[in-house]
């Protein structure tokens, strides 16, 4: 396949070659749990890793591999692993390199379930997370020690709307000899390719903008292939010494620059089993085909809605990266080409029930906790996506009780503004 296609062309064609599948124009669905062996020795060679081939769909499936190729191409990585959800992808990314006694240094401005995974679930298994404001590089540096295994952030924080300074965070991570892992779900590779700014690993919830239609759950981990694992053997022995969880494989020796993504697929994903279904992979590939078109319309709509909300008497504040007065406007220009993606948040004025009245009055905009859909969606994060967080954790993640999050879709802008205006009037 041509790796030098422009983005829109790669989104339609990358990862799939019709000549390999009976010349089917659409990617086929390989709906099978297992694959047959030529003979007994063939099976032994496949399980020993002496021959390349397919064994079982929990380990690899052709339809899923096509999607992995497309996602890796769009992010300009050397490989990807697709999984059942974005949270599965995050979990496997961390478990590929971290274990009991290790820690991760992360931005506190995160999606609620991600914050919960890092702050409360992984610590139950001995992996600590140390949170800091993502723009406070000095504080982040103080949190790093010899047991730190990664620095983590979201390109655009959900729902806080802050934009990470990827180059500064990459420099910080690399000075400490650890990778920068970036969740690029909200920005998508259409607006930002973190590898071009020093990131080492990218994670996606493919459920969101990549799939684009709110129909299939999926996630992906993408490897840049640039982090020098061998130069930091003491930190990353899971990649640089024989791994007793996978046939004593030394992933750095066997897979070279693909060591991370190879272990991600072979150990945490293979053993935890959070695999993607073949039909889901093909559906998400079809969604990716229109990613560029959808993001253009979504960014256009979100910009106009944010400007409308800024002028509305019932709105106390608006947070959208595309606005000229956004605190991270310089970073938006540097990393996102001046566009703010499709997630915005705003504060409802009035009493504590004003947000409920606003949501209940919506007719066109759907009340839903998903984002990245073609349909515009609204939610109240403090009582839904971030409900499991304590009061202090809510503050750390940038969520206030008056915050309403909009995930803007591709409907006509006039219909959206009319619906939002009517609901705001009802919130008073």
Protein backbone atom coordinates (compact mmCIF):
# COMPACT_ATOMS: atom_id res chain seq x y z
CA UNK A 1 0.00 0.00 0.00
CA UNK A 2 1.10 3.56 -0.65
CA UNK A 3 2.13 5.10 2.69
CA UNK A 4 2.47 8.53 1.10
CA UNK A 5 -1.17 9.07 0.26
CA UNK A 6 -2.77 12.17 1.65
CA UNK A 7 -4.96 11.80 4.73
CA UNK A 8 -8.33 11.60 3.00
CA UNK A 9 -7.10 8.91 0.60
CA UNK A 10 -5.51 6.85 3.36
CA UNK A 11 -8.73 7.02 5.37
CA UNK A 12 -10.51 5.27 2.49
CA UNK A 13 -7.87 2.79 1.32
CA UNK A 14 -5.13 2.16 3.90
CA UNK A 15 -4.91 -1.29 5.46
CA UNK A 16 -6.83 -3.13 2.76
CA UNK A 17 -5.78 -4.58 -0.57
CA UNK A 18 -8.64 -5.97 -2.67
CA UNK A 19 -6.28 -8.36 -4.47
CA UNK A 20 -5.80 -10.22 -1.19
CA UNK A 21 -9.52 -10.88 -0.71
CA UNK A 22 -11.11 -12.13 -3.92
CA UNK A 23 -11.04 -8.53 -5.23
CA UNK A 24 -13.87 -7.52 -2.93
CA UNK A 25 -14.23 -3.75 -3.06
CA UNK A 26 -15.45 -3.60 0.55
CA UNK A 27 -13.26 -5.18 3.25
CA UNK A 28 -14.61 -8.68 4.02
CA UNK A 29 -15.66 -9.88 7.45
CA UNK A 30 -13.72 -12.96 8.56
CA UNK A 31 -16.32 -14.23 11.01
CA UNK A 32 -14.41 -17.17 12.45
CA UNK A 33 -13.09 -18.08 15.88
CA UNK A 34 -10.14 -20.17 14.64
CA UNK A 35 -8.01 -21.03 11.62
CA UNK A 36 -6.93 -24.44 10.31
CA UNK A 37 -3.33 -25.72 10.34
CA UNK A 38 -1.62 -27.40 7.41
CA UNK A 39 -0.36 -30.18 9.66
CA UNK A 40 0.83 -30.81 13.23
CA UNK A 41 4.22 -29.20 12.63
CA UNK A 42 2.59 -26.10 11.18
CA UNK A 43 0.63 -25.67 14.43
CA UNK A 44 3.81 -26.06 16.51
CA UNK A 45 5.69 -23.54 14.37
CA UNK A 46 2.88 -20.99 14.65
CA UNK A 47 2.69 -21.26 18.43
CA UNK A 48 6.49 -21.07 18.72
CA UNK A 49 6.52 -17.97 16.56
CA UNK A 50 8.73 -19.60 13.93
CA UNK A 51 6.17 -18.96 11.20
CA UNK A 52 3.75 -16.11 10.64
CA UNK A 53 0.11 -17.03 10.35
CA UNK A 54 -3.32 -17.09 11.93
CA UNK A 55 -4.27 -19.30 14.85
CA UNK A 56 -7.24 -17.94 16.79
CA UNK A 57 -9.23 -14.71 16.54
CA UNK A 58 -8.40 -13.75 20.12
CA UNK A 59 -4.81 -13.49 18.92
CA UNK A 60 -5.31 -12.10 15.40
CA UNK A 61 -8.06 -11.84 12.81
CA UNK A 62 -7.74 -10.60 9.19
CA UNK A 63 -10.61 -8.10 9.44
CA UNK A 64 -9.17 -6.63 12.63
CA UNK A 65 -5.71 -6.50 11.07
CA UNK A 66 -7.09 -4.41 8.20
CA UNK A 67 -8.44 -1.86 10.67
CA UNK A 68 -5.15 -1.87 12.56
CA UNK A 69 -3.31 -1.04 9.35
CA UNK A 70 -5.63 1.84 8.58
CA UNK A 71 -5.38 3.37 12.06
CA UNK A 72 -1.58 3.00 12.11
CA UNK A 73 -1.33 4.71 8.72
CA UNK A 74 -3.50 7.65 9.75
CA UNK A 75 -1.41 8.18 12.90
CA UNK A 76 1.82 7.50 10.96
CA UNK A 77 2.84 4.75 13.36
CA UNK A 78 4.57 1.45 12.62
CA UNK A 79 1.73 -0.70 13.94
CA UNK A 80 -1.51 -0.77 15.89
CA UNK A 81 -3.58 -3.19 17.95
CA UNK A 82 -7.38 -2.87 17.88
CA UNK A 83 -9.41 -3.84 20.95
CA UNK A 84 -12.93 -4.01 22.29
CA UNK A 85 -13.03 -0.44 23.67
CA UNK A 86 -10.98 2.64 24.34
CA UNK A 87 -10.70 1.70 28.01
CA UNK A 88 -9.34 -1.72 27.03
CA UNK A 89 -6.77 0.03 24.87
CA UNK A 90 -5.67 2.29 27.72
CA UNK A 91 -5.43 -0.63 30.14
CA UNK A 92 -3.34 -2.73 27.74
CA UNK A 93 -1.07 0.20 26.90
CA UNK A 94 -0.21 0.72 30.57
CA UNK A 95 0.07 -3.00 31.36
CA UNK A 96 2.49 -3.51 28.49
CA UNK A 97 5.21 -1.64 30.37
CA UNK A 98 4.07 -1.21 33.99
CA UNK A 99 3.59 -3.59 36.91
CA UNK A 100 3.34 -3.63 40.69
CA UNK A 101 5.61 -1.02 42.22
CA UNK A 102 5.69 1.16 39.12
CA UNK A 103 3.95 4.49 38.57
CA UNK A 104 2.51 6.63 35.79
CA UNK A 105 2.65 10.44 35.82
CA UNK A 106 -0.50 11.86 34.24
CA UNK A 107 -2.38 15.03 33.53
CA UNK A 108 -5.33 15.40 35.90
CA UNK A 109 -7.56 16.72 33.08
CA UNK A 110 -8.96 13.42 31.86
CA UNK A 111 -12.13 11.60 30.89
CA UNK A 112 -13.85 10.35 34.05
CA UNK A 113 -13.41 6.61 33.49
CA UNK A 114 -9.77 7.11 32.54
CA UNK A 115 -9.21 9.10 35.73
CA UNK A 116 -10.89 6.31 37.69
CA UNK A 117 -8.76 3.63 35.97
CA UNK A 118 -5.55 5.45 36.80
CA UNK A 119 -6.48 6.81 40.18
CA UNK A 120 -8.39 3.90 41.70
CA UNK A 121 -8.30 0.67 39.66
CA UNK A 122 -4.65 0.27 38.66
CA UNK A 123 -3.47 1.12 42.23
CA UNK A 124 -5.33 -2.00 43.41
CA UNK A 125 -2.74 -3.95 41.39
CA UNK A 126 0.23 -1.94 42.58
CA UNK A 127 0.48 0.62 39.75
CA UNK A 128 0.34 4.13 41.18
CA UNK A 129 -0.69 7.23 39.25
CA UNK A 130 0.59 10.68 40.16
CA UNK A 131 -1.58 13.50 38.86
CA UNK A 132 -0.63 17.07 38.08
CA UNK A 133 -1.92 19.95 35.97
CA UNK A 134 -0.76 19.21 32.44
CA UNK A 135 0.70 22.69 31.89
CA UNK A 136 2.70 22.57 35.15
CA UNK A 137 5.80 20.92 33.71
CA UNK A 138 7.80 21.62 36.86
CA UNK A 139 5.26 19.78 39.02
CA UNK A 140 5.12 16.88 36.59
CA UNK A 141 8.92 16.66 36.65
CA UNK A 142 8.93 16.49 40.45
CA UNK A 143 6.55 13.53 40.36
CA UNK A 144 8.81 11.41 38.13
CA UNK A 145 11.18 8.95 39.77
CA UNK A 146 13.06 5.77 38.86
CA UNK A 147 9.83 3.71 39.01
CA UNK A 148 7.95 5.95 36.56
CA UNK A 149 7.09 4.08 33.37
CA UNK A 150 5.19 6.66 31.31
CA UNK A 151 3.84 10.20 31.11
CA UNK A 152 0.21 10.35 29.98
CA UNK A 153 -2.18 13.03 28.70
CA UNK A 154 -5.12 13.62 26.36
CA UNK A 155 -4.49 15.82 23.31
CA UNK A 156 -7.75 17.66 24.08
CA UNK A 157 -8.98 16.94 27.59
CA UNK A 158 -12.52 15.59 27.86
CA UNK A 159 -14.53 17.55 28.91
CA UNK A 160 -12.25 20.28 30.31
CA UNK A 161 -11.14 21.34 26.82
CA UNK A 162 -7.51 22.07 27.72
CA UNK A 163 -4.91 21.29 25.05
CA UNK A 164 -1.69 19.47 25.92
CA UNK A 165 1.68 20.93 24.99
CA UNK A 166 2.84 17.71 23.39
CA UNK A 167 6.38 18.81 22.63
CA UNK A 168 6.98 19.97 26.20
CA UNK A 169 5.55 16.77 27.66
CA UNK A 170 7.55 14.61 25.22
CA UNK A 171 10.75 16.39 26.18
CA UNK A 172 9.94 15.93 29.86
CA UNK A 173 9.24 12.22 29.39
CA UNK A 174 12.31 11.58 27.27
CA UNK A 175 14.60 13.38 29.72
CA UNK A 176 13.36 10.88 32.30
CA UNK A 177 13.81 7.94 29.92
CA UNK A 178 10.11 7.07 29.62
CA UNK A 179 7.56 7.29 26.77
CA UNK A 180 4.81 9.84 26.33
CA UNK A 181 1.43 8.12 25.87
CA UNK A 182 -1.30 10.32 24.36
CA UNK A 183 -5.05 9.70 24.12
CA UNK A 184 -5.87 11.29 20.76
CA UNK A 185 -9.59 10.43 20.74
CA UNK A 186 -11.07 13.94 20.71
CA UNK A 187 -8.57 15.51 18.32
CA UNK A 188 -8.35 12.51 15.94
CA UNK A 189 -5.39 12.21 13.53
CA UNK A 190 -7.28 14.52 11.17
CA UNK A 191 -6.50 17.47 13.45
CA UNK A 192 -3.39 16.24 15.25
CA UNK A 193 -0.80 13.50 14.82
CA UNK A 194 0.98 13.34 18.19
CA UNK A 195 3.91 11.32 16.81
CA UNK A 196 4.94 14.38 14.80
CA UNK A 197 5.36 16.24 18.08
CA UNK A 198 7.39 13.67 20.00
CA UNK A 199 4.75 11.31 21.44
CA UNK A 200 5.64 7.61 21.50
CA UNK A 201 2.34 5.78 21.93
CA UNK A 202 -1.16 6.92 20.88
CA UNK A 203 -4.42 5.49 22.22
CA UNK A 204 -7.90 5.86 20.72
CA UNK A 205 -11.47 5.16 21.59
CA UNK A 206 -12.53 4.18 18.07
CA UNK A 207 -16.11 4.33 19.34
CA UNK A 208 -15.97 8.10 18.98
CA UNK A 209 -14.98 10.13 15.92
CA UNK A 210 -13.10 7.37 14.12
CA UNK A 211 -16.18 5.10 13.94
CA UNK A 212 -18.32 8.20 13.88
CA UNK A 213 -21.84 6.80 14.07
CA UNK A 214 -22.27 5.71 17.68
CA UNK A 215 -22.90 2.09 16.70
CA UNK A 216 -19.76 0.10 17.57
CA UNK A 217 -17.40 0.06 20.54
CA UNK A 218 -13.69 -0.16 19.83
CA UNK A 219 -10.25 1.02 20.84
CA UNK A 220 -6.71 1.02 19.49
CA UNK A 221 -3.12 1.37 20.64
CA UNK A 222 -0.67 2.75 18.06
CA UNK A 223 3.13 2.52 18.30
CA UNK A 224 5.44 5.15 16.81
CA UNK A 225 8.33 2.67 16.85
CA UNK A 226 10.71 5.40 17.94
CA UNK A 227 11.15 4.95 21.68
CA UNK A 228 14.56 3.36 22.46
CA UNK A 229 13.48 0.62 24.87
CA UNK A 230 16.92 -1.03 24.83
CA UNK A 231 18.54 2.19 26.09
CA UNK A 232 16.43 1.93 29.25
CA UNK A 233 16.59 -1.78 29.99
CA UNK A 234 16.29 -1.41 33.76
CA UNK A 235 12.95 0.37 33.38
CA UNK A 236 11.47 -1.84 30.67
CA UNK A 237 12.60 -5.37 31.41
CA UNK A 238 9.27 -6.69 30.11
CA UNK A 239 10.43 -5.63 26.66
CA UNK A 240 14.19 -6.15 26.92
CA UNK A 241 14.55 -9.50 28.76
CA UNK A 242 12.93 -12.93 28.24
CA UNK A 243 9.24 -12.70 29.14
CA UNK A 244 8.03 -15.75 31.06
CA UNK A 245 4.42 -14.84 30.20
CA UNK A 246 5.09 -15.41 26.49
CA UNK A 247 7.49 -18.27 25.69
CA UNK A 248 10.47 -16.37 27.17
CA UNK A 249 10.32 -13.94 24.25
CA UNK A 250 12.70 -10.99 24.35
CA UNK A 251 10.46 -8.55 22.48
CA UNK A 252 13.18 -5.99 21.77
CA UNK A 253 15.45 -8.61 20.24
CA UNK A 254 12.74 -10.37 18.26
CA UNK A 255 10.64 -7.41 17.11
CA UNK A 256 13.04 -4.45 17.23
CA UNK A 257 11.22 -1.14 16.91
CA UNK A 258 7.88 -3.00 17.10
CA UNK A 259 8.66 -4.35 20.59
CA UNK A 260 5.94 -2.38 22.39
CA UNK A 261 3.07 -3.14 20.05
CA UNK A 262 4.12 -6.80 19.79
CA UNK A 263 4.00 -7.26 23.56
CA UNK A 264 0.77 -5.26 23.82
CA UNK A 265 -0.92 -7.74 21.49
CA UNK A 266 0.82 -10.88 22.75
CA UNK A 267 0.53 -10.44 26.51
CA UNK A 268 -2.10 -8.06 27.98
CA UNK A 269 -4.58 -8.28 25.10
CA UNK A 270 -4.12 -11.99 24.43
CA UNK A 271 -4.47 -12.92 28.10
CA UNK A 272 -7.15 -10.46 29.19
CA UNK A 273 -9.16 -11.13 26.04
CA UNK A 274 -10.61 -7.68 25.31
CA UNK A 275 -10.67 -8.38 21.58
CA UNK A 276 -12.58 -6.65 18.81
CA UNK A 277 -15.14 -8.58 16.77
CA UNK A 278 -14.41 -8.87 13.01
CA UNK A 279 -17.74 -7.26 12.02
CA UNK A 280 -16.99 -4.35 14.35
CA UNK A 281 -13.59 -3.83 12.71
CA UNK A 282 -15.13 -3.57 9.25
CA UNK A 283 -17.87 -1.21 10.47
CA UNK A 284 -15.29 1.10 12.05
CA UNK A 285 -13.21 1.01 8.85
CA UNK A 286 -16.27 2.22 6.96
CA UNK A 287 -16.72 4.99 9.51
CA UNK A 288 -13.12 6.10 9.10
CA UNK A 289 -13.68 6.55 5.37
CA UNK A 290 -15.70 9.74 6.09
CA UNK A 291 -13.63 11.00 9.05
CA UNK A 292 -12.24 14.03 7.20
CA UNK A 293 -15.64 15.08 5.87
CA UNK A 294 -17.29 14.72 9.27
CA UNK A 295 -14.56 16.56 11.15
CA UNK A 296 -14.76 19.51 8.77
CA UNK A 297 -18.50 19.89 9.40
CA UNK A 298 -18.22 19.16 13.13
CA UNK A 299 -15.51 21.79 13.65
CA UNK A 300 -17.56 24.32 11.65
CA UNK A 301 -20.69 23.67 13.71
CA UNK A 302 -18.88 23.61 17.06
CA UNK A 303 -17.18 26.94 16.38
CA UNK A 304 -20.46 28.69 15.63
CA UNK A 305 -22.23 27.12 18.60
CA UNK A 306 -19.43 28.16 20.94
CA UNK A 307 -19.61 31.74 19.66
CA UNK A 308 -23.40 31.73 20.06
CA UNK A 309 -23.13 30.49 23.66
CA UNK A 310 -20.60 33.20 24.50
CA UNK A 311 -23.23 35.83 23.75
CA UNK A 312 -26.13 34.14 25.56
CA UNK A 313 -27.37 35.61 28.84
CA UNK A 314 -28.18 32.19 30.32
CA UNK A 315 -24.57 30.98 29.90
CA UNK A 316 -21.99 31.94 32.50
CA UNK A 317 -18.90 30.65 30.68
CA UNK A 318 -17.85 28.71 27.55
CA UNK A 319 -14.83 26.48 27.08
CA UNK A 320 -13.97 25.54 23.49
CA UNK A 321 -10.44 25.26 22.05
CA UNK A 322 -11.42 27.01 18.82
CA UNK A 323 -12.32 30.29 20.54
CA UNK A 324 -9.80 33.11 20.20
CA UNK A 325 -9.83 33.77 23.96
CA UNK A 326 -9.22 30.12 24.94
CA UNK A 327 -6.38 29.81 27.44
CA UNK A 328 -4.56 27.39 25.12
CA UNK A 329 -5.15 29.30 21.88
CA UNK A 330 -1.45 29.20 20.95
CA UNK A 331 -1.37 25.41 21.45
CA UNK A 332 -4.55 25.03 19.40
CA UNK A 333 -2.86 26.82 16.53
CA UNK A 334 0.36 24.83 16.94
CA UNK A 335 -1.06 21.32 17.28
CA UNK A 336 -4.61 21.48 15.86
CA UNK A 337 -4.28 23.92 13.00
CA UNK A 338 -6.47 26.40 14.84
CA UNK A 339 -9.49 24.09 14.95
CA UNK A 340 -11.13 23.04 18.19
CA UNK A 341 -12.67 19.64 17.31
CA UNK A 342 -16.24 18.83 18.35
CA UNK A 343 -16.40 18.84 22.15
CA UNK A 344 -17.30 22.01 24.02
CA UNK A 345 -18.49 22.72 27.53
CA UNK A 346 -20.33 25.62 29.11
CA UNK A 347 -21.78 26.67 32.42
CA UNK A 348 -25.49 27.12 32.98
CA UNK A 349 -26.38 30.13 35.08
CA UNK A 350 -29.08 30.01 37.77
CA UNK A 351 -29.81 27.34 40.36
CA UNK A 352 -28.46 23.78 40.53
CA UNK A 353 -31.43 22.40 38.57
CA UNK A 354 -30.92 24.72 35.60
CA UNK A 355 -28.78 22.13 33.83
CA UNK A 356 -31.53 19.54 34.16
CA UNK A 357 -34.10 21.94 32.78
CA UNK A 358 -31.80 22.68 29.84
CA UNK A 359 -31.33 18.99 29.03
CA UNK A 360 -35.01 18.17 29.41
CA UNK A 361 -35.99 20.95 27.00
CA UNK A 362 -33.78 19.73 24.15
CA UNK A 363 -35.72 18.33 21.18
CA UNK A 364 -33.10 17.80 18.47
CA UNK A 365 -29.95 17.37 20.57
CA UNK A 366 -29.87 13.94 22.19
CA UNK A 367 -29.17 13.42 25.89
CA UNK A 368 -26.30 10.91 25.82
CA UNK A 369 -22.85 10.34 27.33
CA UNK A 370 -21.25 9.30 24.04
CA UNK A 371 -19.29 11.72 21.86
CA UNK A 372 -17.98 11.81 18.32
CA UNK A 373 -21.33 10.84 16.80
CA UNK A 374 -22.87 12.36 13.66
CA UNK A 375 -25.68 13.41 16.01
CA UNK A 376 -25.20 16.25 18.49
CA UNK A 377 -25.22 14.96 22.07
CA UNK A 378 -25.46 16.67 25.47
CA UNK A 379 -24.62 15.42 28.95
CA UNK A 380 -23.95 16.60 32.49
CA UNK A 381 -20.56 15.00 33.31
CA UNK A 382 -20.66 15.54 37.08
CA UNK A 383 -23.74 13.31 37.35
CA UNK A 384 -22.88 10.84 34.55
CA UNK A 385 -19.42 10.27 33.02
CA UNK A 386 -17.60 11.59 36.11
CA UNK A 387 -20.18 10.56 38.72
CA UNK A 388 -17.85 8.02 40.36
CA UNK A 389 -15.28 10.70 41.19
CA UNK A 390 -15.01 12.42 44.55
CA UNK A 391 -15.43 16.16 44.88
CA UNK A 392 -11.67 16.69 44.88
CA UNK A 393 -11.23 14.42 41.86
CA UNK A 394 -13.92 16.35 39.99
CA UNK A 395 -12.02 19.58 40.60
CA UNK A 396 -8.75 17.95 39.49
CA UNK A 397 -10.29 16.69 36.26
CA UNK A 398 -11.80 20.11 35.46
CA UNK A 399 -15.46 19.21 35.97
CA UNK A 400 -17.84 21.52 37.84
CA UNK A 401 -21.47 20.89 38.74
CA UNK A 402 -22.70 23.58 36.33
CA UNK A 403 -20.80 22.11 33.35
CA UNK A 404 -22.77 20.88 30.33
CA UNK A 405 -20.82 19.03 27.64
CA UNK A 406 -21.85 19.14 24.01
CA UNK A 407 -20.52 16.74 21.41
CA UNK A 408 -21.39 18.56 18.23
CA UNK A 409 -22.58 16.61 15.19
CA UNK A 410 -23.13 17.27 11.50
CA UNK A 411 -26.73 18.57 11.52
CA UNK A 412 -27.60 21.95 9.99
CA UNK A 413 -26.18 24.67 12.20
CA UNK A 414 -29.41 26.70 12.27
CA UNK A 415 -31.42 23.77 13.60
CA UNK A 416 -28.84 23.13 16.32
CA UNK A 417 -28.70 26.74 17.48
CA UNK A 418 -32.49 27.02 17.50
CA UNK A 419 -32.77 23.91 19.68
CA UNK A 420 -30.04 25.05 22.08
CA UNK A 421 -31.50 28.55 22.31
CA UNK A 422 -34.96 27.18 23.14
CA UNK A 423 -33.50 24.88 25.84
CA UNK A 424 -31.49 27.70 27.36
CA UNK A 425 -34.64 29.81 27.62
CA UNK A 426 -36.34 26.91 29.42
CA UNK A 427 -33.42 26.58 31.86
CA UNK A 428 -34.05 29.99 33.41
